[in-house]
């Protein structure tokens, strides 16, 4: 193995490490989305029940305000988290395109099978959209 091919392997290995790092960030962002939206949906449900059952509640005005604001808060957080997910996906794509593998093993190390990459991106790409649709429906019905 000549020194040049050894450097290419290290470069491919470095790119793979960066891709793993970006993938970990993507997983964390997806977890943030799920956790924040679960919390906001629960808070919304509690507020809706609170406003409908206890009109004499001294906090009824606050509950009504929360019922009005929580969907917009959820949408704003989804948009901001979706931007971070999109940035991660763009970064991962650029990393894959910048390194030109010299052999099939390097390509497998960096890119992996397309079908597996796409399957792994289903949740980060669709979960925010699903919650956006849910909150949109809440606002539509409300």
C-alpha atoms as a PDB file:
ATOM      1  CA  UNK A   1       0.000   0.000   0.000  1.00  0.00           C
ATOM      2  CA  UNK A   2       1.564   3.305  -1.015  1.00  0.00           C
ATOM      3  CA  UNK A   3       1.432   6.415   1.225  1.00  0.00           C
ATOM      4  CA  UNK A   4      -1.040   8.136  -1.103  1.00  0.00           C
ATOM      5  CA  UNK A   5      -3.644   5.371  -0.780  1.00  0.00           C
ATOM      6  CA  UNK A   6      -3.133   5.379   3.004  1.00  0.00           C
ATOM      7  CA  UNK A   7      -3.937   9.130   3.052  1.00  0.00           C
ATOM      8  CA  UNK A   8      -7.107   8.523   1.035  1.00  0.00           C
ATOM      9  CA  UNK A   9      -8.205   5.906   3.558  1.00  0.00           C
ATOM     10  CA  UNK A  10      -7.611   8.327   6.417  1.00  0.00           C
ATOM     11  CA  UNK A  11      -9.582  10.965   4.580  1.00  0.00           C
ATOM     12  CA  UNK A  12     -12.446   8.557   3.968  1.00  0.00           C
ATOM     13  CA  UNK A  13     -12.269   7.518   7.602  1.00  0.00           C
ATOM     14  CA  UNK A  14     -12.354  11.173   8.697  1.00  0.00           C
ATOM     15  CA  UNK A  15     -15.381  11.822   6.478  1.00  0.00           C
ATOM     16  CA  UNK A  16     -17.088   8.738   7.946  1.00  0.00           C
ATOM     17  CA  UNK A  17     -16.450  10.021  11.481  1.00  0.00           C
ATOM     18  CA  UNK A  18     -17.944  13.397  10.581  1.00  0.00           C
ATOM     19  CA  UNK A  19     -20.946  11.682   8.990  1.00  0.00           C
ATOM     20  CA  UNK A  20     -21.422   9.651  12.171  1.00  0.00           C
ATOM     21  CA  UNK A  21     -21.290  12.862  14.194  1.00  0.00           C
ATOM     22  CA  UNK A  22     -23.888  14.520  11.947  1.00  0.00           C
ATOM     23  CA  UNK A  23     -26.051  11.406  12.142  1.00  0.00           C
ATOM     24  CA  UNK A  24     -25.919  11.526  15.951  1.00  0.00           C
ATOM     25  CA  UNK A  25     -26.977  15.176  15.854  1.00  0.00           C
ATOM     26  CA  UNK A  26     -29.841  14.271  13.533  1.00  0.00           C
ATOM     27  CA  UNK A  27     -31.013  11.569  15.943  1.00  0.00           C
ATOM     28  CA  UNK A  28     -30.873  14.032  18.848  1.00  0.00           C
ATOM     29  CA  UNK A  29     -32.836  16.622  16.882  1.00  0.00           C
ATOM     30  CA  UNK A  30     -35.488  14.056  16.064  1.00  0.00           C
ATOM     31  CA  UNK A  31     -35.706  13.191  19.761  1.00  0.00           C
ATOM     32  CA  UNK A  32     -36.057  16.884  20.611  1.00  0.00           C
ATOM     33  CA  UNK A  33     -38.911  17.180  18.135  1.00  0.00           C
ATOM     34  CA  UNK A  34     -40.751  14.181  19.549  1.00  0.00           C
ATOM     35  CA  UNK A  35     -40.241  15.219  23.168  1.00  0.00           C
ATOM     36  CA  UNK A  36     -41.209  18.856  22.658  1.00  0.00           C
ATOM     37  CA  UNK A  37     -44.280  18.012  20.632  1.00  0.00           C
ATOM     38  CA  UNK A  38     -45.442  15.347  23.098  1.00  0.00           C
ATOM     39  CA  UNK A  39     -45.090  17.890  25.896  1.00  0.00           C
ATOM     40  CA  UNK A  40     -46.953  20.593  23.958  1.00  0.00           C
ATOM     41  CA  UNK A  41     -49.756  18.237  22.894  1.00  0.00           C
ATOM     42  CA  UNK A  42     -50.188  17.118  26.508  1.00  0.00           C
ATOM     43  CA  UNK A  43     -50.210  20.711  27.732  1.00  0.00           C
ATOM     44  CA  UNK A  44     -52.748  21.614  25.065  1.00  0.00           C
ATOM     45  CA  UNK A  45     -55.029  18.729  26.037  1.00  0.00           C
ATOM     46  CA  UNK A  46     -54.838  19.675  29.714  1.00  0.00           C
ATOM     47  CA  UNK A  47     -55.654  23.308  28.911  1.00  0.00           C
ATOM     48  CA  UNK A  48     -58.587  22.366  26.686  1.00  0.00           C
ATOM     49  CA  UNK A  49     -60.063  20.153  29.392  1.00  0.00           C
ATOM     50  CA  UNK A  50     -59.418  22.863  31.990  1.00  0.00           C
ATOM     51  CA  UNK A  51     -61.200  25.562  29.994  1.00  0.00           C
ATOM     52  CA  UNK A  52     -64.200  23.383  29.166  1.00  0.00           C
ATOM     53  CA  UNK A  53     -64.879  21.952  32.615  1.00  0.00           C
ATOM     54  CA  UNK A  54     -64.188  24.780  35.026  1.00  0.00           C
ATOM     55  CA  UNK A  55     -65.496  28.111  33.784  1.00  0.00           C
ATOM     56  CA  UNK A  56     -65.302  29.412  37.356  1.00  0.00           C
ATOM     57  CA  UNK A  57     -61.606  28.586  37.490  1.00  0.00           C
ATOM     58  CA  UNK A  58     -59.660  31.739  38.434  1.00  0.00           C
ATOM     59  CA  UNK A  59     -57.110  30.770  35.774  1.00  0.00           C
ATOM     60  CA  UNK A  60     -59.655  30.321  32.985  1.00  0.00           C
ATOM     61  CA  UNK A  61     -58.316  33.327  31.061  1.00  0.00           C
ATOM     62  CA  UNK A  62     -54.775  31.959  31.278  1.00  0.00           C
ATOM     63  CA  UNK A  63     -55.949  28.537  30.120  1.00  0.00           C
ATOM     64  CA  UNK A  64     -57.782  30.090  27.165  1.00  0.00           C
ATOM     65  CA  UNK A  65     -54.651  32.046  26.266  1.00  0.00           C
ATOM     66  CA  UNK A  66     -52.595  28.850  26.391  1.00  0.00           C
ATOM     67  CA  UNK A  67     -55.132  27.068  24.209  1.00  0.00           C
ATOM     68  CA  UNK A  68     -54.691  29.864  21.676  1.00  0.00           C
ATOM     69  CA  UNK A  69     -50.873  30.066  21.923  1.00  0.00           C
ATOM     70  CA  UNK A  70     -49.737  26.454  22.275  1.00  0.00           C
ATOM     71  CA  UNK A  71     -50.416  25.450  18.651  1.00  0.00           C
ATOM     72  CA  UNK A  72     -48.451  28.468  17.396  1.00  0.00           C
ATOM     73  CA  UNK A  73     -45.645  27.735  19.855  1.00  0.00           C
ATOM     74  CA  UNK A  74     -45.529  24.155  18.617  1.00  0.00           C
ATOM     75  CA  UNK A  75     -45.461  25.249  14.980  1.00  0.00           C
ATOM     76  CA  UNK A  76     -42.674  27.772  15.642  1.00  0.00           C
ATOM     77  CA  UNK A  77     -40.591  25.140  17.449  1.00  0.00           C
ATOM     78  CA  UNK A  78     -41.212  22.647  14.651  1.00  0.00           C
ATOM     79  CA  UNK A  79     -40.080  25.100  12.020  1.00  0.00           C
ATOM     80  CA  UNK A  80     -36.917  25.954  13.934  1.00  0.00           C
ATOM     81  CA  UNK A  81     -36.102  22.295  14.590  1.00  0.00           C
ATOM     82  CA  UNK A  82     -36.913  21.404  10.975  1.00  0.00           C
ATOM     83  CA  UNK A  83     -34.367  24.018   9.865  1.00  0.00           C
ATOM     84  CA  UNK A  84     -31.713  22.312  12.003  1.00  0.00           C
ATOM     85  CA  UNK A  85     -32.661  18.905  10.578  1.00  0.00           C
ATOM     86  CA  UNK A  86     -32.445  20.279   7.033  1.00  0.00           C
ATOM     87  CA  UNK A  87     -29.042  21.816   7.806  1.00  0.00           C
ATOM     88  CA  UNK A  88     -27.798  18.452   9.047  1.00  0.00           C
ATOM     89  CA  UNK A  89     -29.081  16.675   5.944  1.00  0.00           C
ATOM     90  CA  UNK A  90     -27.433  19.257   3.692  1.00  0.00           C
ATOM     91  CA  UNK A  91     -24.152  18.928   5.586  1.00  0.00           C
ATOM     92  CA  UNK A  92     -24.242  15.145   5.276  1.00  0.00           C
ATOM     93  CA  UNK A  93     -24.902  15.390   1.547  1.00  0.00           C
ATOM     94  CA  UNK A  94     -22.035  17.833   1.050  1.00  0.00           C
ATOM     95  CA  UNK A  95     -19.678  15.590   2.997  1.00  0.00           C
ATOM     96  CA  UNK A  96     -20.562  12.650   0.777  1.00  0.00           C
ATOM     97  CA  UNK A  97     -20.082  14.702  -2.386  1.00  0.00           C
ATOM     98  CA  UNK A  98     -16.777  16.322  -1.400  1.00  0.00           C
ATOM     99  CA  UNK A  99     -14.834  13.098  -0.987  1.00  0.00           C
ATOM    100  CA  UNK A 100     -14.377  11.130  -4.182  1.00  0.00           C
ATOM    101  CA  UNK A 101     -13.773   7.506  -3.178  1.00  0.00           C
ATOM    102  CA  UNK A 102     -10.967   5.752  -5.001  1.00  0.00           C
ATOM    103  CA  UNK A 103     -12.264   2.240  -4.448  1.00  0.00           C
ATOM    104  CA  UNK A 104     -15.594   0.514  -3.661  1.00  0.00           C
ATOM    105  CA  UNK A 105     -14.703  -0.012  -0.002  1.00  0.00           C
ATOM    106  CA  UNK A 106     -14.200   3.716   0.528  1.00  0.00           C
ATOM    107  CA  UNK A 107     -17.514   4.390  -1.167  1.00  0.00           C
ATOM    108  CA  UNK A 108     -19.248   1.886   1.105  1.00  0.00           C
ATOM    109  CA  UNK A 109     -17.526   3.423   4.140  1.00  0.00           C
ATOM    110  CA  UNK A 110     -18.685   6.927   3.246  1.00  0.00           C
ATOM    111  CA  UNK A 111     -22.009   6.492   1.521  1.00  0.00           C
ATOM    112  CA  UNK A 112     -23.427   3.087   2.311  1.00  0.00           C
ATOM    113  CA  UNK A 113     -26.356   1.687   0.379  1.00  0.00           C
ATOM    114  CA  UNK A 114     -28.759   4.395  -0.795  1.00  0.00           C
ATOM    115  CA  UNK A 115     -31.851   2.487   0.332  1.00  0.00           C
ATOM    116  CA  UNK A 116     -30.524   2.283   3.894  1.00  0.00           C
ATOM    117  CA  UNK A 117     -29.609   5.971   3.941  1.00  0.00           C
ATOM    118  CA  UNK A 118     -33.078   6.910   2.733  1.00  0.00           C
ATOM    119  CA  UNK A 119     -34.778   4.585   5.234  1.00  0.00           C
ATOM    120  CA  UNK A 120     -32.778   6.166   8.039  1.00  0.00           C
ATOM    121  CA  UNK A 121     -33.976   9.625   7.048  1.00  0.00           C
ATOM    122  CA  UNK A 122     -37.699   8.843   7.050  1.00  0.00           C
ATOM    123  CA  UNK A 123     -38.285   9.899  10.665  1.00  0.00           C
ATOM    124  CA  UNK A 124     -36.220  13.116  10.667  1.00  0.00           C
ATOM    125  CA  UNK A 125     -37.794  14.165   7.379  1.00  0.00           C
ATOM    126  CA  UNK A 126     -41.431  13.244   8.110  1.00  0.00           C
ATOM    127  CA  UNK A 127     -42.010  13.583  11.872  1.00  0.00           C
ATOM    128  CA  UNK A 128     -41.951  17.403  11.828  1.00  0.00           C
ATOM    129  CA  UNK A 129     -44.358  17.405   8.881  1.00  0.00           C
ATOM    130  CA  UNK A 130     -46.702  15.043  10.712  1.00  0.00           C
ATOM    131  CA  UNK A 131     -46.772  17.312  13.746  1.00  0.00           C
ATOM    132  CA  UNK A 132     -47.243  20.382  11.528  1.00  0.00           C
ATOM    133  CA  UNK A 133     -50.288  18.720   9.970  1.00  0.00           C
ATOM    134  CA  UNK A 134     -51.598  17.818  13.432  1.00  0.00           C
ATOM    135  CA  UNK A 135     -51.228  21.349  14.761  1.00  0.00           C
ATOM    136  CA  UNK A 136     -52.660  22.754  11.539  1.00  0.00           C
ATOM    137  CA  UNK A 137     -55.720  20.557  12.027  1.00  0.00           C
ATOM    138  CA  UNK A 138     -56.018  21.762  15.644  1.00  0.00           C
ATOM    139  CA  UNK A 139     -55.956  25.359  14.462  1.00  0.00           C
ATOM    140  CA  UNK A 140     -58.379  24.629  11.634  1.00  0.00           C
ATOM    141  CA  UNK A 141     -60.948  23.000  13.931  1.00  0.00           C
ATOM    142  CA  UNK A 142     -60.467  25.545  16.665  1.00  0.00           C
END
